[in-house]
Amino acid sequence: LRPLATKRTIWSLVLGEIAKKEKVKVSDSEIDTEIENMTKLGTRQGFPTLNQLAQRYRELCDKQL
């Protein structure tokens, strides 16, 4: 798991820097749409509820952008 976590962390940091340099902005509605799409897939696979997933995804987006 550690190599995968390292890879994901590096990927996240790189994407965050690219987003800053390219001045990428994501609207709340775009985030909401993506959360809804992820939730539909996730709940079928036993992942967290919509509210839990939404909170985690928003935190992730805030950190990356």
N, C-alpha and C. Protein backbone atom coordinates (compact mmCIF):
# COMPACT_ATOMS: atom_id res chain seq x y z
N LEU A 1 0.81 -1.21 0.00
CA LEU A 1 0.00 0.00 0.00
C LEU A 1 0.85 1.27 0.00
N ARG A 2 2.00 1.20 0.62
CA ARG A 2 2.83 2.40 0.72
C ARG A 2 3.25 2.94 -0.65
N PRO A 3 3.71 2.08 -1.58
CA PRO A 3 4.07 2.62 -2.90
C PRO A 3 2.89 3.29 -3.60
N LEU A 4 1.72 2.72 -3.46
CA LEU A 4 0.52 3.30 -4.07
C LEU A 4 0.19 4.65 -3.42
N ALA A 5 0.30 4.72 -2.11
CA ALA A 5 0.04 5.98 -1.40
C ALA A 5 1.05 7.05 -1.82
N THR A 6 2.29 6.65 -1.97
CA THR A 6 3.33 7.59 -2.40
C THR A 6 3.03 8.10 -3.81
N LYS A 7 2.68 7.20 -4.68
CA LYS A 7 2.36 7.57 -6.06
C LYS A 7 1.17 8.53 -6.11
N ARG A 8 0.13 8.23 -5.35
CA ARG A 8 -1.05 9.09 -5.33
C ARG A 8 -0.73 10.47 -4.75
N THR A 9 0.10 10.50 -3.73
CA THR A 9 0.47 11.77 -3.12
C THR A 9 1.24 12.63 -4.11
N ILE A 10 2.21 12.04 -4.78
CA ILE A 10 2.99 12.78 -5.78
C ILE A 10 2.08 13.28 -6.89
N TRP A 11 1.21 12.41 -7.37
CA TRP A 11 0.27 12.78 -8.43
C TRP A 11 -0.60 13.95 -8.00
N SER A 12 -1.08 13.90 -6.78
CA SER A 12 -1.94 14.96 -6.25
C SER A 12 -1.18 16.29 -6.17
N LEU A 13 0.05 16.23 -5.70
CA LEU A 13 0.86 17.45 -5.60
C LEU A 13 1.16 18.04 -6.97
N VAL A 14 1.49 17.19 -7.92
CA VAL A 14 1.77 17.65 -9.28
C VAL A 14 0.54 18.30 -9.89
N LEU A 15 -0.60 17.64 -9.77
CA LEU A 15 -1.84 18.21 -10.31
C LEU A 15 -2.19 19.55 -9.65
N GLY A 16 -1.96 19.63 -8.36
CA GLY A 16 -2.22 20.87 -7.64
C GLY A 16 -1.37 22.02 -8.16
N GLU A 17 -0.10 21.74 -8.41
CA GLU A 17 0.80 22.77 -8.94
C GLU A 17 0.42 23.17 -10.36
N ILE A 18 0.07 22.20 -11.17
CA ILE A 18 -0.37 22.51 -12.54
C ILE A 18 -1.62 23.38 -12.50
N ALA A 19 -2.56 23.03 -11.63
CA ALA A 19 -3.80 23.81 -11.50
C ALA A 19 -3.50 25.25 -11.10
N LYS A 20 -2.55 25.44 -10.19
CA LYS A 20 -2.18 26.79 -9.77
C LYS A 20 -1.57 27.57 -10.93
N LYS A 21 -0.62 26.96 -11.61
CA LYS A 21 0.07 27.65 -12.71
C LYS A 21 -0.85 27.95 -13.88
N GLU A 22 -1.77 27.05 -14.14
CA GLU A 22 -2.71 27.24 -15.25
C GLU A 22 -3.95 28.01 -14.83
N LYS A 23 -4.01 28.36 -13.55
CA LYS A 23 -5.15 29.09 -12.98
C LYS A 23 -6.47 28.38 -13.26
N VAL A 24 -6.46 27.08 -13.00
CA VAL A 24 -7.66 26.27 -13.20
C VAL A 24 -8.64 26.55 -12.07
N LYS A 25 -9.86 26.81 -12.43
CA LYS A 25 -10.92 27.05 -11.45
C LYS A 25 -12.02 26.03 -11.67
N VAL A 26 -12.55 25.52 -10.58
CA VAL A 26 -13.63 24.54 -10.64
C VAL A 26 -14.81 25.14 -9.88
N SER A 27 -15.96 25.16 -10.53
CA SER A 27 -17.15 25.74 -9.90
C SER A 27 -17.76 24.75 -8.91
N ASP A 28 -18.55 25.28 -8.00
CA ASP A 28 -19.24 24.42 -7.04
C ASP A 28 -20.16 23.43 -7.75
N SER A 29 -20.80 23.88 -8.83
CA SER A 29 -21.70 22.97 -9.55
C SER A 29 -20.93 21.83 -10.21
N GLU A 30 -19.71 22.11 -10.70
CA GLU A 30 -18.89 21.04 -11.27
C GLU A 30 -18.48 20.03 -10.20
N ILE A 31 -18.14 20.54 -9.03
CA ILE A 31 -17.78 19.65 -7.92
C ILE A 31 -18.99 18.82 -7.52
N ASP A 32 -20.15 19.47 -7.40
CA ASP A 32 -21.37 18.75 -7.03
C ASP A 32 -21.71 17.65 -8.03
N THR A 33 -21.56 17.95 -9.31
CA THR A 33 -21.83 16.95 -10.35
C THR A 33 -20.88 15.77 -10.23
N GLU A 34 -19.61 16.06 -10.02
CA GLU A 34 -18.63 14.97 -9.89
C GLU A 34 -18.88 14.15 -8.63
N ILE A 35 -19.24 14.81 -7.55
CA ILE A 35 -19.57 14.10 -6.31
C ILE A 35 -20.75 13.16 -6.55
N GLU A 36 -21.77 13.67 -7.23
CA GLU A 36 -22.94 12.85 -7.52
C GLU A 36 -22.57 11.63 -8.35
N ASN A 37 -21.74 11.83 -9.37
CA ASN A 37 -21.30 10.71 -10.21
C ASN A 37 -20.50 9.69 -9.42
N MET A 38 -19.58 10.17 -8.59
CA MET A 38 -18.76 9.27 -7.79
C MET A 38 -19.61 8.52 -6.77
N THR A 39 -20.59 9.21 -6.20
CA THR A 39 -21.44 8.60 -5.19
C THR A 39 -22.28 7.47 -5.79
N LYS A 40 -22.81 7.70 -6.98
CA LYS A 40 -23.61 6.66 -7.63
C LYS A 40 -22.79 5.39 -7.80
N LEU A 41 -21.56 5.54 -8.24
CA LEU A 41 -20.69 4.39 -8.41
C LEU A 41 -20.29 3.80 -7.06
N GLY A 42 -19.92 4.67 -6.13
CA GLY A 42 -19.43 4.21 -4.83
C GLY A 42 -20.44 3.50 -3.98
N THR A 43 -21.67 4.00 -3.95
CA THR A 43 -22.67 3.36 -3.09
C THR A 43 -23.01 1.96 -3.58
N ARG A 44 -22.87 1.74 -4.88
CA ARG A 44 -23.09 0.39 -5.40
C ARG A 44 -22.00 -0.56 -4.93
N GLN A 45 -20.85 0.00 -4.58
CA GLN A 45 -19.73 -0.84 -4.17
C GLN A 45 -19.51 -0.81 -2.66
N GLY A 46 -20.44 -0.23 -1.91
CA GLY A 46 -20.36 -0.23 -0.45
C GLY A 46 -19.46 0.85 0.13
N PHE A 47 -19.22 1.91 -0.61
CA PHE A 47 -18.39 3.00 -0.10
C PHE A 47 -19.22 3.95 0.76
N PRO A 48 -18.62 5.01 1.30
CA PRO A 48 -19.32 5.91 2.21
C PRO A 48 -20.58 6.55 1.60
N THR A 49 -21.40 7.10 2.49
CA THR A 49 -22.63 7.77 2.06
C THR A 49 -22.30 9.04 1.30
N LEU A 50 -23.31 9.62 0.70
CA LEU A 50 -23.13 10.84 -0.08
C LEU A 50 -22.53 11.96 0.76
N ASN A 51 -23.04 12.17 1.94
CA ASN A 51 -22.52 13.25 2.79
C ASN A 51 -21.07 13.02 3.17
N GLN A 52 -20.71 11.79 3.50
CA GLN A 52 -19.33 11.49 3.84
C GLN A 52 -18.41 11.70 2.64
N LEU A 53 -18.84 11.21 1.52
CA LEU A 53 -18.04 11.33 0.30
C LEU A 53 -17.93 12.79 -0.13
N ALA A 54 -19.02 13.52 -0.04
CA ALA A 54 -19.01 14.93 -0.43
C ALA A 54 -18.02 15.71 0.42
N GLN A 55 -18.03 15.47 1.71
CA GLN A 55 -17.11 16.17 2.61
C GLN A 55 -15.66 15.83 2.26
N ARG A 56 -15.37 14.57 2.07
CA ARG A 56 -14.00 14.16 1.72
C ARG A 56 -13.56 14.75 0.39
N TYR A 57 -14.45 14.74 -0.59
CA TYR A 57 -14.11 15.25 -1.92
C TYR A 57 -13.89 16.75 -1.89
N ARG A 58 -14.72 17.48 -1.15
CA ARG A 58 -14.53 18.92 -1.03
C ARG A 58 -13.19 19.24 -0.36
N GLU A 59 -12.84 18.49 0.68
CA GLU A 59 -11.56 18.69 1.34
C GLU A 59 -10.41 18.44 0.37
N LEU A 60 -10.53 17.40 -0.42
CA LEU A 60 -9.51 17.07 -1.40
C LEU A 60 -9.39 18.19 -2.45
N CYS A 61 -10.51 18.66 -2.94
CA CYS A 61 -10.50 19.74 -3.94
C CYS A 61 -9.89 21.01 -3.36
N ASP A 62 -10.24 21.34 -2.14
CA ASP A 62 -9.68 22.53 -1.50
C ASP A 62 -8.17 22.43 -1.37
N LYS A 63 -7.67 21.26 -1.04
CA LYS A 63 -6.23 21.07 -0.89
C LYS A 63 -5.51 21.13 -2.22
N GLN A 64 -6.14 20.62 -3.27
CA GLN A 64 -5.48 20.56 -4.57
C GLN A 64 -5.55 21.88 -5.32
N LEU A 65 -6.58 22.65 -5.09
CA LEU A 65 -6.72 23.90 -5.84
C LEU A 65 -6.48 25.02 -4.93
